PDB file of N, CA and C in Angstrom:
ATOM      1  N   UNK A   1       0.823  -1.184   0.000  1.00  0.00           N
ATOM      2  CA  UNK A   1       0.000   0.000   0.000  1.00  0.00           C
ATOM      3  C   UNK A   1       0.872   1.254   0.000  1.00  0.00           C
ATOM      4  N   UNK A   2       1.926   1.262   0.855  1.00  0.00           N
ATOM      5  CA  UNK A   2       2.798   2.427   0.908  1.00  0.00           C
ATOM      6  C   UNK A   2       3.490   2.640  -0.430  1.00  0.00           C
ATOM      7  N   UNK A   3       3.875   1.542  -1.053  1.00  0.00           N
ATOM      8  CA  UNK A   3       4.547   1.651  -2.341  1.00  0.00           C
ATOM      9  C   UNK A   3       3.613   2.266  -3.389  1.00  0.00           C
ATOM     10  N   UNK A   4       2.362   1.843  -3.415  1.00  0.00           N
ATOM     11  CA  UNK A   4       1.388   2.363  -4.373  1.00  0.00           C
ATOM     12  C   UNK A   4       1.203   3.867  -4.170  1.00  0.00           C
ATOM     13  N   UNK A   5       1.128   4.322  -2.932  1.00  0.00           N
ATOM     14  CA  UNK A   5       0.996   5.745  -2.645  1.00  0.00           C
ATOM     15  C   UNK A   5       2.232   6.502  -3.119  1.00  0.00           C
ATOM     16  N   UNK A   6       3.407   5.938  -2.882  1.00  0.00           N
ATOM     17  CA  UNK A   6       4.646   6.578  -3.298  1.00  0.00           C
ATOM     18  C   UNK A   6       4.691   6.730  -4.823  1.00  0.00           C
ATOM     19  N   UNK A   7       4.304   5.672  -5.535  1.00  0.00           N
ATOM     20  CA  UNK A   7       4.300   5.729  -6.994  1.00  0.00           C
ATOM     21  C   UNK A   7       3.316   6.792  -7.460  1.00  0.00           C
ATOM     22  N   UNK A   8       2.147   6.834  -6.852  1.00  0.00           N
ATOM     23  CA  UNK A   8       1.154   7.837  -7.225  1.00  0.00           C
ATOM     24  C   UNK A   8       1.648   9.248  -6.989  1.00  0.00           C
ATOM     25  N   UNK A   9       2.280   9.491  -5.851  1.00  0.00           N
ATOM     26  CA  UNK A   9       2.826  10.803  -5.551  1.00  0.00           C
ATOM     27  C   UNK A   9       3.951  11.167  -6.503  1.00  0.00           C
ATOM     28  N   UNK A  10       4.773  10.200  -6.837  1.00  0.00           N
ATOM     29  CA  UNK A  10       5.874  10.450  -7.768  1.00  0.00           C
ATOM     30  C   UNK A  10       5.329  10.834  -9.140  1.00  0.00           C
ATOM     31  N   UNK A  11       4.327  10.114  -9.632  1.00  0.00           N
ATOM     32  CA  UNK A  11       3.724  10.439 -10.930  1.00  0.00           C
ATOM     33  C   UNK A  11       3.071  11.805 -10.903  1.00  0.00           C
ATOM     34  N   UNK A  12       2.354  12.098  -9.843  1.00  0.00           N
ATOM     35  CA  UNK A  12       1.702  13.397  -9.723  1.00  0.00           C
ATOM     36  C   UNK A  12       2.730  14.521  -9.715  1.00  0.00           C
ATOM     37  N   UNK A  13       3.778  14.358  -8.958  1.00  0.00           N
ATOM     38  CA  UNK A  13       4.830  15.376  -8.906  1.00  0.00           C
ATOM     39  C   UNK A  13       5.484  15.535 -10.270  1.00  0.00           C
ATOM     40  N   UNK A  14       5.691  14.438 -10.956  1.00  0.00           N
ATOM     41  CA  UNK A  14       6.300  14.489 -12.290  1.00  0.00           C
ATOM     42  C   UNK A  14       5.424  15.208 -13.285  1.00  0.00           C
ATOM     43  N   UNK A  15       4.118  14.973 -13.239  1.00  0.00           N
ATOM     44  CA  UNK A  15       3.199  15.652 -14.148  1.00  0.00           C
ATOM     45  C   UNK A  15       3.150  17.139 -13.859  1.00  0.00           C
ATOM     46  N   UNK A  16       3.178  17.514 -12.595  1.00  0.00           N
ATOM     47  CA  UNK A  16       3.178  18.925 -12.251  1.00  0.00           C
ATOM     48  C   UNK A  16       4.473  19.577 -12.721  1.00  0.00           C
ATOM     49  N   UNK A  17       5.575  18.907 -12.593  1.00  0.00           N
ATOM     50  CA  UNK A  17       6.844  19.465 -13.002  1.00  0.00           C
ATOM     51  C   UNK A  17       6.892  19.697 -14.499  1.00  0.00           C
ATOM     52  N   UNK A  18       6.282  18.800 -15.290  1.00  0.00           N
ATOM     53  CA  UNK A  18       6.379  18.924 -16.740  1.00  0.00           C
ATOM     54  C   UNK A  18       5.657  20.147 -17.264  1.00  0.00           C
ATOM     55  N   UNK A  19       4.623  20.641 -16.576  1.00  0.00           N
ATOM     56  CA  UNK A  19       3.924  21.823 -17.052  1.00  0.00           C
ATOM     57  C   UNK A  19       4.258  23.058 -16.237  1.00  0.00           C
ATOM     58  N   UNK A  20       4.847  22.899 -15.067  1.00  0.00           N
ATOM     59  CA  UNK A  20       5.111  24.037 -14.191  1.00  0.00           C
ATOM     60  C   UNK A  20       6.205  24.948 -14.743  1.00  0.00           C
ATOM     61  N   UNK A  21       7.066  24.464 -15.588  1.00  0.00           N
ATOM     62  CA  UNK A  21       8.164  25.256 -16.100  1.00  0.00           C
ATOM     63  C   UNK A  21       7.775  26.231 -17.200  1.00  0.00           C
ATOM     64  N   UNK A  22       6.553  26.205 -17.674  1.00  0.00           N
ATOM     65  CA  UNK A  22       6.132  27.057 -18.773  1.00  0.00           C
ATOM     66  C   UNK A  22       5.338  28.242 -18.257  1.00  0.00           C
ATOM     67  N   UNK A  23       5.611  29.387 -18.840  1.00  0.00           N
ATOM     68  CA  UNK A  23       4.868  30.591 -18.476  1.00  0.00           C
ATOM     69  C   UNK A  23       3.524  30.588 -19.188  1.00  0.00           C
ATOM     70  N   UNK A  24       2.544  31.135 -18.538  1.00  0.00           N
ATOM     71  CA  UNK A  24       1.230  31.292 -19.164  1.00  0.00           C
ATOM     72  C   UNK A  24       1.347  32.305 -20.294  1.00  0.00           C
ATOM     73  N   UNK A  25       0.474  32.214 -21.281  1.00  0.00           N
ATOM     74  CA  UNK A  25       0.491  33.227 -22.341  1.00  0.00           C
ATOM     75  C   UNK A  25       0.285  34.620 -21.741  1.00  0.00           C
ATOM     76  N   UNK A  26       0.786  35.638 -22.405  1.00  0.00           N
ATOM     77  CA  UNK A  26       0.588  37.004 -21.900  1.00  0.00           C
ATOM     78  C   UNK A  26      -0.902  37.321 -21.724  1.00  0.00           C
ATOM     79  N   UNK A  27      -1.209  38.211 -20.801  1.00  0.00           N
ATOM     80  CA  UNK A  27      -2.605  38.545 -20.509  1.00  0.00           C
ATOM     81  C   UNK A  27      -3.333  39.094 -21.736  1.00  0.00           C
ATOM     82  N   UNK A  28      -2.632  39.824 -22.592  1.00  0.00           N
ATOM     83  CA  UNK A  28      -3.282  40.343 -23.804  1.00  0.00           C
ATOM     84  C   UNK A  28      -3.687  39.198 -24.729  1.00  0.00           C
ATOM     85  N   UNK A  29      -2.847  38.179 -24.803  1.00  0.00           N
ATOM     86  CA  UNK A  29      -3.167  37.004 -25.622  1.00  0.00           C
ATOM     87  C   UNK A  29      -4.354  36.264 -25.016  1.00  0.00           C
ATOM     88  N   UNK A  30      -4.328  36.070 -23.708  1.00  0.00           N
ATOM     89  CA  UNK A  30      -5.456  35.397 -23.043  1.00  0.00           C
ATOM     90  C   UNK A  30      -6.755  36.148 -23.290  1.00  0.00           C
ATOM     91  N   UNK A  31      -6.705  37.487 -23.230  1.00  0.00           N
ATOM     92  CA  UNK A  31      -7.910  38.294 -23.454  1.00  0.00           C
ATOM     93  C   UNK A  31      -8.406  38.158 -24.893  1.00  0.00           C
ATOM     94  N   UNK A  32      -7.481  38.171 -25.853  1.00  0.00           N
ATOM     95  CA  UNK A  32      -7.892  38.017 -27.251  1.00  0.00           C
ATOM     96  C   UNK A  32      -8.461  36.627 -27.518  1.00  0.00           C
ATOM     97  N   UNK A  33      -7.829  35.603 -26.973  1.00  0.00           N
ATOM     98  CA  UNK A  33      -8.332  34.237 -27.155  1.00  0.00           C
ATOM     99  C   UNK A  33      -9.716  34.104 -26.514  1.00  0.00           C
ATOM    100  N   UNK A  34      -9.879  34.658 -25.321  1.00  0.00           N
ATOM    101  CA  UNK A  34     -11.195  34.621 -24.667  1.00  0.00           C
ATOM    102  C   UNK A  34     -12.252  35.309 -25.534  1.00  0.00           C
ATOM    103  N   UNK A  35     -11.889  36.442 -26.128  1.00  0.00           N
ATOM    104  CA  UNK A  35     -12.824  37.162 -26.991  1.00  0.00           C
ATOM    105  C   UNK A  35     -13.152  36.346 -28.247  1.00  0.00           C
ATOM    106  N   UNK A  36     -12.148  35.693 -28.827  1.00  0.00           N
ATOM    107  CA  UNK A  36     -12.405  34.850 -29.999  1.00  0.00           C
ATOM    108  C   UNK A  36     -13.309  33.674 -29.639  1.00  0.00           C
ATOM    109  N   UNK A  37     -13.059  33.056 -28.506  1.00  0.00           N
ATOM    110  CA  UNK A  37     -13.892  31.934 -28.077  1.00  0.00           C
ATOM    111  C   UNK A  37     -15.318  32.394 -27.800  1.00  0.00           C
ATOM    112  N   UNK A  38     -15.476  33.576 -27.241  1.00  0.00           N
ATOM    113  CA  UNK A  38     -16.819  34.133 -27.026  1.00  0.00           C
ATOM    114  C   UNK A  38     -17.501  34.407 -28.362  1.00  0.00           C
ATOM    115  N   UNK A  39     -16.737  34.889 -29.343  1.00  0.00           N
ATOM    116  CA  UNK A  39     -17.297  35.124 -30.682  1.00  0.00           C
ATOM    117  C   UNK A  39     -17.785  33.824 -31.300  1.00  0.00           C
ATOM    118  N   UNK A  40     -17.005  32.775 -31.132  1.00  0.00           N
ATOM    119  CA  UNK A  40     -17.408  31.467 -31.649  1.00  0.00           C
ATOM    120  C   UNK A  40     -18.687  31.015 -30.955  1.00  0.00           C
ATOM    121  N   UNK A  41     -18.675  31.063 -29.636  1.00  0.00           N
ATOM    122  CA  UNK A  41     -19.799  30.536 -28.857  1.00  0.00           C
ATOM    123  C   UNK A  41     -21.109  31.245 -29.164  1.00  0.00           C
ATOM    124  N   UNK A  42     -21.052  32.539 -29.405  1.00  0.00           N
ATOM    125  CA  UNK A  42     -22.273  33.306 -29.643  1.00  0.00           C
ATOM    126  C   UNK A  42     -22.596  33.485 -31.122  1.00  0.00           C
ATOM    127  N   UNK A  43     -21.777  32.935 -31.995  1.00  0.00           N
ATOM    128  CA  UNK A  43     -21.950  33.156 -33.431  1.00  0.00           C
ATOM    129  C   UNK A  43     -23.176  32.470 -34.019  1.00  0.00           C
ATOM    130  N   UNK A  44     -23.554  31.340 -33.453  1.00  0.00           N
ATOM    131  CA  UNK A  44     -24.646  30.565 -34.038  1.00  0.00           C
ATOM    132  C   UNK A  44     -24.228  29.836 -35.301  1.00  0.00           C
ATOM    133  N   UNK A  45     -22.949  29.867 -35.610  1.00  0.00           N
ATOM    134  CA  UNK A  45     -22.434  29.198 -36.809  1.00  0.00           C
ATOM    135  C   UNK A  45     -22.241  27.710 -36.522  1.00  0.00           C
ATOM    136  N   UNK A  46     -22.166  26.934 -37.589  1.00  0.00           N
ATOM    137  CA  UNK A  46     -21.872  25.505 -37.481  1.00  0.00           C
ATOM    138  C   UNK A  46     -20.385  25.302 -37.753  1.00  0.00           C
ATOM    139  N   UNK A  47     -19.778  24.425 -36.988  1.00  0.00           N
ATOM    140  CA  UNK A  47     -18.355  24.143 -37.117  1.00  0.00           C
ATOM    141  C   UNK A  47     -18.179  22.681 -37.516  1.00  0.00           C
ATOM    142  N   UNK A  48     -17.457  22.500 -38.598  1.00  0.00           N
ATOM    143  CA  UNK A  48     -17.227  21.166 -39.155  1.00  0.00           C
ATOM    144  C   UNK A  48     -15.882  20.677 -38.638  1.00  0.00           C
ATOM    145  N   UNK A  49     -15.926  19.535 -37.942  1.00  0.00           N
ATOM    146  CA  UNK A  49     -14.701  18.972 -37.371  1.00  0.00           C
ATOM    147  C   UNK A  49     -14.733  17.457 -37.519  1.00  0.00           C
ATOM    148  N   UNK A  50     -13.726  16.916 -38.192  1.00  0.00           N
ATOM    149  CA  UNK A  50     -13.593  15.469 -38.375  1.00  0.00           C
ATOM    150  C   UNK A  50     -14.863  14.809 -38.920  1.00  0.00           C
ATOM    151  N   UNK A  51     -15.445  15.443 -39.926  1.00  0.00           N
ATOM    152  CA  UNK A  51     -16.599  14.853 -40.596  1.00  0.00           C
ATOM    153  C   UNK A  51     -17.930  15.073 -39.916  1.00  0.00           C
ATOM    154  N   UNK A  52     -17.955  15.861 -38.854  1.00  0.00           N
ATOM    155  CA  UNK A  52     -19.190  16.076 -38.104  1.00  0.00           C
ATOM    156  C   UNK A  52     -19.409  17.566 -37.872  1.00  0.00           C
ATOM    157  N   UNK A  53     -20.663  17.992 -38.007  1.00  0.00           N
ATOM    158  CA  UNK A  53     -21.013  19.374 -37.686  1.00  0.00           C
ATOM    159  C   UNK A  53     -21.232  19.505 -36.182  1.00  0.00           C
ATOM    160  N   UNK A  54     -20.733  20.596 -35.630  1.00  0.00           N
ATOM    161  CA  UNK A  54     -20.888  20.892 -34.209  1.00  0.00           C
ATOM    162  C   UNK A  54     -21.454  22.297 -34.067  1.00  0.00           C
ATOM    163  N   UNK A  55     -22.282  22.497 -33.047  1.00  0.00           N
ATOM    164  CA  UNK A  55     -22.796  23.845 -32.841  1.00  0.00           C
ATOM    165  C   UNK A  55     -21.701  24.727 -32.253  1.00  0.00           C
ATOM    166  N   UNK A  56     -21.991  26.015 -32.195  1.00  0.00           N
ATOM    167  CA  UNK A  56     -20.974  26.978 -31.786  1.00  0.00           C
ATOM    168  C   UNK A  56     -20.531  26.790 -30.332  1.00  0.00           C
ATOM    169  N   UNK A  57     -21.427  26.365 -29.469  1.00  0.00           N
ATOM    170  CA  UNK A  57     -21.052  26.139 -28.062  1.00  0.00           C
ATOM    171  C   UNK A  57     -20.086  24.960 -27.932  1.00  0.00           C
ATOM    172  N   UNK A  58     -20.370  23.867 -28.646  1.00  0.00           N
ATOM    173  CA  UNK A  58     -19.469  22.715 -28.622  1.00  0.00           C
ATOM    174  C   UNK A  58     -18.108  23.071 -29.225  1.00  0.00           C
ATOM    175  N   UNK A  59     -18.131  23.848 -30.307  1.00  0.00           N
ATOM    176  CA  UNK A  59     -16.879  24.247 -30.950  1.00  0.00           C
ATOM    177  C   UNK A  59     -16.029  25.094 -30.010  1.00  0.00           C
ATOM    178  N   UNK A  60     -16.658  26.045 -29.339  1.00  0.00           N
ATOM    179  CA  UNK A  60     -15.920  26.901 -28.411  1.00  0.00           C
ATOM    180  C   UNK A  60     -15.331  26.082 -27.264  1.00  0.00           C
ATOM    181  N   UNK A  61     -16.092  25.147 -26.732  1.00  0.00           N
ATOM    182  CA  UNK A  61     -15.601  24.304 -25.635  1.00  0.00           C
ATOM    183  C   UNK A  61     -14.427  23.449 -26.096  1.00  0.00           C
ATOM    184  N   UNK A  62     -14.531  22.897 -27.300  1.00  0.00           N
ATOM    185  CA  UNK A  62     -13.445  22.066 -27.837  1.00  0.00           C
ATOM    186  C   UNK A  62     -12.170  22.893 -28.016  1.00  0.00           C
ATOM    187  N   UNK A  63     -12.323  24.080 -28.597  1.00  0.00           N
ATOM    188  CA  UNK A  63     -11.146  24.922 -28.825  1.00  0.00           C
ATOM    189  C   UNK A  63     -10.576  25.460 -27.519  1.00  0.00           C
ATOM    190  N   UNK A  64     -11.412  25.663 -26.517  1.00  0.00           N
ATOM    191  CA  UNK A  64     -10.924  26.072 -25.186  1.00  0.00           C
ATOM    192  C   UNK A  64     -10.035  24.962 -24.608  1.00  0.00           C
ATOM    193  N   UNK A  65     -10.493  23.717 -24.742  1.00  0.00           N
ATOM    194  CA  UNK A  65      -9.694  22.592 -24.242  1.00  0.00           C
ATOM    195  C   UNK A  65      -8.350  22.511 -24.967  1.00  0.00           C
ATOM    196  N   UNK A  66      -8.373  22.715 -26.285  1.00  0.00           N
ATOM    197  CA  UNK A  66      -7.117  22.667 -27.039  1.00  0.00           C
ATOM    198  C   UNK A  66      -6.205  23.831 -26.658  1.00  0.00           C
ATOM    199  N   UNK A  67      -6.785  25.003 -26.463  1.00  0.00           N
ATOM    200  CA  UNK A  67      -5.997  26.156 -26.025  1.00  0.00           C
ATOM    201  C   UNK A  67      -5.323  25.848 -24.685  1.00  0.00           C
ATOM    202  N   UNK A  68      -6.104  25.351 -23.741  1.00  0.00           N
ATOM    203  CA  UNK A  68      -5.554  25.032 -22.425  1.00  0.00           C
ATOM    204  C   UNK A  68      -4.409  24.018 -22.530  1.00  0.00           C
ATOM    205  N   UNK A  69      -4.584  23.023 -23.389  1.00  0.00           N
ATOM    206  CA  UNK A  69      -3.561  21.994 -23.578  1.00  0.00           C
ATOM    207  C   UNK A  69      -2.259  22.610 -24.102  1.00  0.00           C
ATOM    208  N   UNK A  70      -2.367  23.381 -25.180  1.00  0.00           N
ATOM    209  CA  UNK A  70      -1.161  23.960 -25.775  1.00  0.00           C
ATOM    210  C   UNK A  70      -0.549  25.037 -24.887  1.00  0.00           C
ATOM    211  N   UNK A  71      -1.376  25.829 -24.228  1.00  0.00           N
ATOM    212  CA  UNK A  71      -0.869  26.887 -23.351  1.00  0.00           C
ATOM    213  C   UNK A  71      -0.109  26.293 -22.169  1.00  0.00           C
ATOM    214  N   UNK A  72      -0.607  25.193 -21.628  1.00  0.00           N
ATOM    215  CA  UNK A  72       0.057  24.547 -20.488  1.00  0.00           C
ATOM    216  C   UNK A  72       1.438  24.026 -20.860  1.00  0.00           C
ATOM    217  N   UNK A  73       1.690  23.866 -22.130  1.00  0.00           N
ATOM    218  CA  UNK A  73       2.983  23.372 -22.599  1.00  0.00           C
ATOM    219  C   UNK A  73       3.863  24.478 -23.174  1.00  0.00           C
ATOM    220  N   UNK A  74       3.435  25.711 -22.986  1.00  0.00           N
ATOM    221  CA  UNK A  74       4.220  26.847 -23.449  1.00  0.00           C
ATOM    222  C   UNK A  74       4.204  27.041 -24.950  1.00  0.00           C
ATOM    223  N   UNK A  75       3.197  26.509 -25.627  1.00  0.00           N
ATOM    224  CA  UNK A  75       3.158  26.562 -27.087  1.00  0.00           C
ATOM    225  C   UNK A  75       2.261  27.674 -27.633  1.00  0.00           C
ATOM    226  N   UNK A  76       1.673  28.468 -26.742  1.00  0.00           N
ATOM    227  CA  UNK A  76       0.857  29.605 -27.165  1.00  0.00           C
ATOM    228  C   UNK A  76       1.514  30.859 -26.598  1.00  0.00           C
ATOM    229  N   UNK A  77       2.087  31.659 -27.475  1.00  0.00           N
ATOM    230  CA  UNK A  77       2.724  32.906 -27.072  1.00  0.00           C
ATOM    231  C   UNK A  77       1.960  34.095 -27.659  1.00  0.00           C
ATOM    232  N   UNK A  78       1.347  33.877 -28.815  1.00  0.00           N
ATOM    233  CA  UNK A  78       0.558  34.915 -29.480  1.00  0.00           C
ATOM    234  C   UNK A  78      -0.835  34.365 -29.787  1.00  0.00           C
ATOM    235  N   UNK A  79      -1.735  35.265 -30.096  1.00  0.00           N
ATOM    236  CA  UNK A  79      -3.087  34.835 -30.483  1.00  0.00           C
ATOM    237  C   UNK A  79      -3.027  34.067 -31.797  1.00  0.00           C
ATOM    238  N   UNK A  80      -2.113  34.450 -32.654  1.00  0.00           N
ATOM    239  CA  UNK A  80      -1.928  33.722 -33.907  1.00  0.00           C
ATOM    240  C   UNK A  80      -1.484  32.284 -33.645  1.00  0.00           C
ATOM    241  N   UNK A  81      -0.699  32.062 -32.595  1.00  0.00           N
ATOM    242  CA  UNK A  81      -0.326  30.694 -32.207  1.00  0.00           C
ATOM    243  C   UNK A  81      -1.566  29.881 -31.865  1.00  0.00           C
ATOM    244  N   UNK A  82      -2.504  30.492 -31.147  1.00  0.00           N
ATOM    245  CA  UNK A  82      -3.753  29.802 -30.824  1.00  0.00           C
ATOM    246  C   UNK A  82      -4.481  29.396 -32.100  1.00  0.00           C
ATOM    247  N   UNK A  83      -4.589  30.334 -33.032  1.00  0.00           N
ATOM    248  CA  UNK A  83      -5.303  30.038 -34.281  1.00  0.00           C
ATOM    249  C   UNK A  83      -4.598  28.912 -35.030  1.00  0.00           C
ATOM    250  N   UNK A  84      -3.289  29.022 -35.177  1.00  0.00           N
ATOM    251  CA  UNK A  84      -2.531  28.026 -35.951  1.00  0.00           C
ATOM    252  C   UNK A  84      -2.490  26.648 -35.281  1.00  0.00           C
ATOM    253  N   UNK A  85      -2.204  26.619 -33.997  1.00  0.00           N
ATOM    254  CA  UNK A  85      -1.991  25.340 -33.312  1.00  0.00           C
ATOM    255  C   UNK A  85      -3.280  24.662 -32.866  1.00  0.00           C
ATOM    256  N   UNK A  86      -4.238  25.457 -32.394  1.00  0.00           N
ATOM    257  CA  UNK A  86      -5.419  24.862 -31.769  1.00  0.00           C
ATOM    258  C   UNK A  86      -6.678  24.949 -32.607  1.00  0.00           C
ATOM    259  N   UNK A  87      -6.793  25.946 -33.462  1.00  0.00           N
ATOM    260  CA  UNK A  87      -8.093  26.232 -34.061  1.00  0.00           C
ATOM    261  C   UNK A  87      -8.168  26.069 -35.575  1.00  0.00           C
ATOM    262  N   UNK A  88      -7.142  25.526 -36.191  1.00  0.00           N
ATOM    263  CA  UNK A  88      -7.106  25.407 -37.644  1.00  0.00           C
ATOM    264  C   UNK A  88      -7.456  24.015 -38.151  1.00  0.00           C
ATOM    265  N   UNK A  89      -7.005  23.001 -37.422  1.00  0.00           N
ATOM    266  CA  UNK A  89      -7.213  21.628 -37.894  1.00  0.00           C
ATOM    267  C   UNK A  89      -7.210  20.668 -36.717  1.00  0.00           C
ATOM    268  N   UNK A  90      -7.676  19.471 -36.987  1.00  0.00           N
ATOM    269  CA  UNK A  90      -7.706  18.419 -35.985  1.00  0.00           C
ATOM    270  C   UNK A  90      -6.290  17.945 -35.687  1.00  0.00           C
ATOM    271  N   UNK A  91      -5.984  17.841 -34.412  1.00  0.00           N
ATOM    272  CA  UNK A  91      -4.680  17.311 -34.016  1.00  0.00           C
ATOM    273  C   UNK A  91      -4.585  15.817 -34.282  1.00  0.00           C
ATOM    274  N   UNK A  92      -5.733  15.161 -34.342  1.00  0.00           N
ATOM    275  CA  UNK A  92      -5.748  13.708 -34.567  1.00  0.00           C
ATOM    276  C   UNK A  92      -5.725  13.338 -36.044  1.00  0.00           C
ATOM    277  N   UNK A  93      -6.639  13.935 -36.819  1.00  0.00           N
ATOM    278  CA  UNK A  93      -6.761  13.538 -38.224  1.00  0.00           C
ATOM    279  C   UNK A  93      -6.011  14.453 -39.185  1.00  0.00           C
ATOM    280  N   UNK A  94      -5.724  15.680 -38.745  1.00  0.00           N
ATOM    281  CA  UNK A  94      -5.087  16.648 -39.631  1.00  0.00           C
ATOM    282  C   UNK A  94      -6.072  17.358 -40.545  1.00  0.00           C
ATOM    283  N   UNK A  95      -7.358  16.991 -40.471  1.00  0.00           N
ATOM    284  CA  UNK A  95      -8.372  17.625 -41.315  1.00  0.00           C
ATOM    285  C   UNK A  95      -8.621  19.058 -40.856  1.00  0.00           C
ATOM    286  N   UNK A  96      -8.742  19.989 -41.810  1.00  0.00           N
ATOM    287  CA  UNK A  96      -9.000  21.381 -41.428  1.00  0.00           C
ATOM    288  C   UNK A  96     -10.414  21.551 -40.869  1.00  0.00           C
ATOM    289  N   UNK A  97     -10.554  22.500 -39.955  1.00  0.00           N
ATOM    290  CA  UNK A  97     -11.862  22.872 -39.430  1.00  0.00           C
ATOM    291  C   UNK A  97     -12.485  23.880 -40.385  1.00  0.00           C
ATOM    292  N   UNK A  98     -13.812  23.823 -40.508  1.00  0.00           N
ATOM    293  CA  UNK A  98     -14.539  24.779 -41.337  1.00  0.00           C
ATOM    294  C   UNK A  98     -15.693  25.366 -40.548  1.00  0.00           C
ATOM    295  N   UNK A  99     -16.111  26.570 -40.969  1.00  0.00           N
ATOM    296  CA  UNK A  99     -17.197  27.284 -40.315  1.00  0.00           C
ATOM    297  C   UNK A  99     -18.232  27.652 -41.370  1.00  0.00           C
ATOM    298  N   UNK A 100     -19.504  27.424 -41.050  1.00  0.00           N
ATOM    299  CA  UNK A 100     -20.601  27.840 -41.921  1.00  0.00           C
ATOM    300  C   UNK A 100     -21.570  28.670 -41.091  1.00  0.00           C
ATOM    301  N   UNK A 101     -21.807  29.888 -41.547  1.00  0.00           N
ATOM    302  CA  UNK A 101     -22.724  30.788 -40.841  1.00  0.00           C
ATOM    303  C   UNK A 101     -23.939  31.037 -41.728  1.00  0.00           C
ATOM    304  N   UNK A 102     -25.108  30.702 -41.208  1.00  0.00           N
ATOM    305  CA  UNK A 102     -26.338  30.897 -41.969  1.00  0.00           C
ATOM    306  C   UNK A 102     -26.304  30.138 -43.275  1.00  0.00           C
ATOM    307  N   UNK A 103     -26.680  30.820 -44.349  1.00  0.00           N
ATOM    308  CA  UNK A 103     -26.692  30.207 -45.681  1.00  0.00           C
ATOM    309  C   UNK A 103     -25.388  30.440 -46.426  1.00  0.00           C
ATOM    310  N   UNK A 104     -24.401  31.001 -45.747  1.00  0.00           N
ATOM    311  CA  UNK A 104     -23.132  31.309 -46.388  1.00  0.00           C
ATOM    312  C   UNK A 104     -22.324  30.061 -46.693  1.00  0.00           C
ATOM    313  N   UNK A 105     -21.323  30.272 -47.505  1.00  0.00           N
ATOM    314  CA  UNK A 105     -20.419  29.183 -47.871  1.00  0.00           C
ATOM    315  C   UNK A 105     -19.495  28.868 -46.697  1.00  0.00           C
ATOM    316  N   UNK A 106     -19.039  27.647 -46.656  1.00  0.00           N
ATOM    317  CA  UNK A 106     -18.089  27.238 -45.622  1.00  0.00           C
ATOM    318  C   UNK A 106     -16.754  27.946 -45.858  1.00  0.00           C
ATOM    319  N   UNK A 107     -16.143  28.388 -44.766  1.00  0.00           N
ATOM    320  CA  UNK A 107     -14.813  28.978 -44.819  1.00  0.00           C
ATOM    321  C   UNK A 107     -13.944  28.248 -43.799  1.00  0.00           C
ATOM    322  N   UNK A 108     -12.657  28.321 -43.978  1.00  0.00           N
ATOM    323  CA  UNK A 108     -11.767  27.673 -43.019  1.00  0.00           C
ATOM    324  C   UNK A 108     -11.871  28.401 -41.672  1.00  0.00           C
ATOM    325  N   UNK A 109     -11.760  27.655 -40.612  1.00  0.00           N
ATOM    326  CA  UNK A 109     -11.787  28.283 -39.290  1.00  0.00           C
ATOM    327  C   UNK A 109     -10.608  29.238 -39.142  1.00  0.00           C
ATOM    328  N   UNK A 110      -9.518  28.912 -39.786  1.00  0.00           N
ATOM    329  CA  UNK A 110      -8.339  29.773 -39.749  1.00  0.00           C
ATOM    330  C   UNK A 110      -8.680  31.164 -40.278  1.00  0.00           C
ATOM    331  N   UNK A 111      -9.332  31.212 -41.435  1.00  0.00           N
ATOM    332  CA  UNK A 111      -9.693  32.507 -42.021  1.00  0.00           C
ATOM    333  C   UNK A 111     -10.762  33.199 -41.194  1.00  0.00           C
ATOM    334  N   UNK A 112     -11.751  32.438 -40.726  1.00  0.00           N
ATOM    335  CA  UNK A 112     -12.829  32.998 -39.923  1.00  0.00           C
ATOM    336  C   UNK A 112     -12.260  33.654 -38.658  1.00  0.00           C
ATOM    337  N   UNK A 113     -11.348  32.970 -37.991  1.00  0.00           N
ATOM    338  CA  UNK A 113     -10.761  33.497 -36.763  1.00  0.00           C
ATOM    339  C   UNK A 113      -9.813  34.667 -37.035  1.00  0.00           C
ATOM    340  N   UNK A 114      -9.086  34.614 -38.126  1.00  0.00           N
ATOM    341  CA  UNK A 114      -8.216  35.747 -38.475  1.00  0.00           C
ATOM    342  C   UNK A 114      -9.051  36.998 -38.730  1.00  0.00           C
ATOM    343  N   UNK A 115     -10.186  36.829 -39.426  1.00  0.00           N
ATOM    344  CA  UNK A 115     -11.076  37.965 -39.677  1.00  0.00           C
ATOM    345  C   UNK A 115     -11.634  38.505 -38.357  1.00  0.00           C
ATOM    346  N   UNK A 116     -12.044  37.624 -37.456  1.00  0.00           N
ATOM    347  CA  UNK A 116     -12.564  38.048 -36.154  1.00  0.00           C
ATOM    348  C   UNK A 116     -11.477  38.766 -35.341  1.00  0.00           C
ATOM    349  N   UNK A 117     -10.261  38.254 -35.401  1.00  0.00           N
ATOM    350  CA  UNK A 117      -9.147  38.882 -34.680  1.00  0.00           C
ATOM    351  C   UNK A 117      -8.871  40.284 -35.236  1.00  0.00           C
ATOM    352  N   UNK A 118      -8.898  40.430 -36.551  1.00  0.00           N
ATOM    353  CA  UNK A 118      -8.697  41.740 -37.165  1.00  0.00           C
ATOM    354  C   UNK A 118      -9.785  42.719 -36.722  1.00  0.00           C
ATOM    355  N   UNK A 119     -11.039  42.250 -36.683  1.00  0.00           N
ATOM    356  CA  UNK A 119     -12.140  43.102 -36.211  1.00  0.00           C
ATOM    357  C   UNK A 119     -11.940  43.488 -34.754  1.00  0.00           C
ATOM    358  N   UNK A 120     -11.536  42.535 -33.953  1.00  0.00           N
ATOM    359  CA  UNK A 120     -11.312  42.771 -32.518  1.00  0.00           C
ATOM    360  C   UNK A 120     -10.215  43.814 -32.316  1.00  0.00           C
ATOM    361  N   UNK A 121      -9.140  43.697 -33.053  1.00  0.00           N
ATOM    362  CA  UNK A 121      -8.013  44.623 -32.891  1.00  0.00           C
ATOM    363  C   UNK A 121      -8.334  46.006 -33.456  1.00  0.00           C
ATOM    364  N   UNK A 122      -9.236  46.071 -34.421  1.00  0.00           N
ATOM    365  CA  UNK A 122      -9.612  47.350 -35.013  1.00  0.00           C
ATOM    366  C   UNK A 122     -10.570  48.137 -34.114  1.00  0.00           C
ATOM    367  N   UNK A 123     -11.260  47.440 -33.232  1.00  0.00           N
ATOM    368  CA  UNK A 123     -12.244  48.143 -32.392  1.00  0.00           C
ATOM    369  C   UNK A 123     -11.656  48.665 -31.103  1.00  0.00           C
TER     370      UNK A 123
END
């Protein structure tokens, strides 16, 4: 029993150490990513991911999880990093994400998010 606890504590400490050495993204990046995720969630657009359509709330939650994953590893330094690493394509299949709003044509999530970021920075 003591050995099992020791192994568990060792693994837990090791996992904390692997992410503890990375700095969080700058606050301006976090604010922009939060704003982009809010734009996704409230857009009412459909998001195509790995052959399946997802509503905007599911898409925002999925991209939030991916952001958290990459940020915890020090891989998000700019908002553009978030778009490129987390919000452009599936990490599993490599298939690009697409967005369809209303009756409009599907566009890549990369372009959709870049346009939203440009609007955000212009305001």
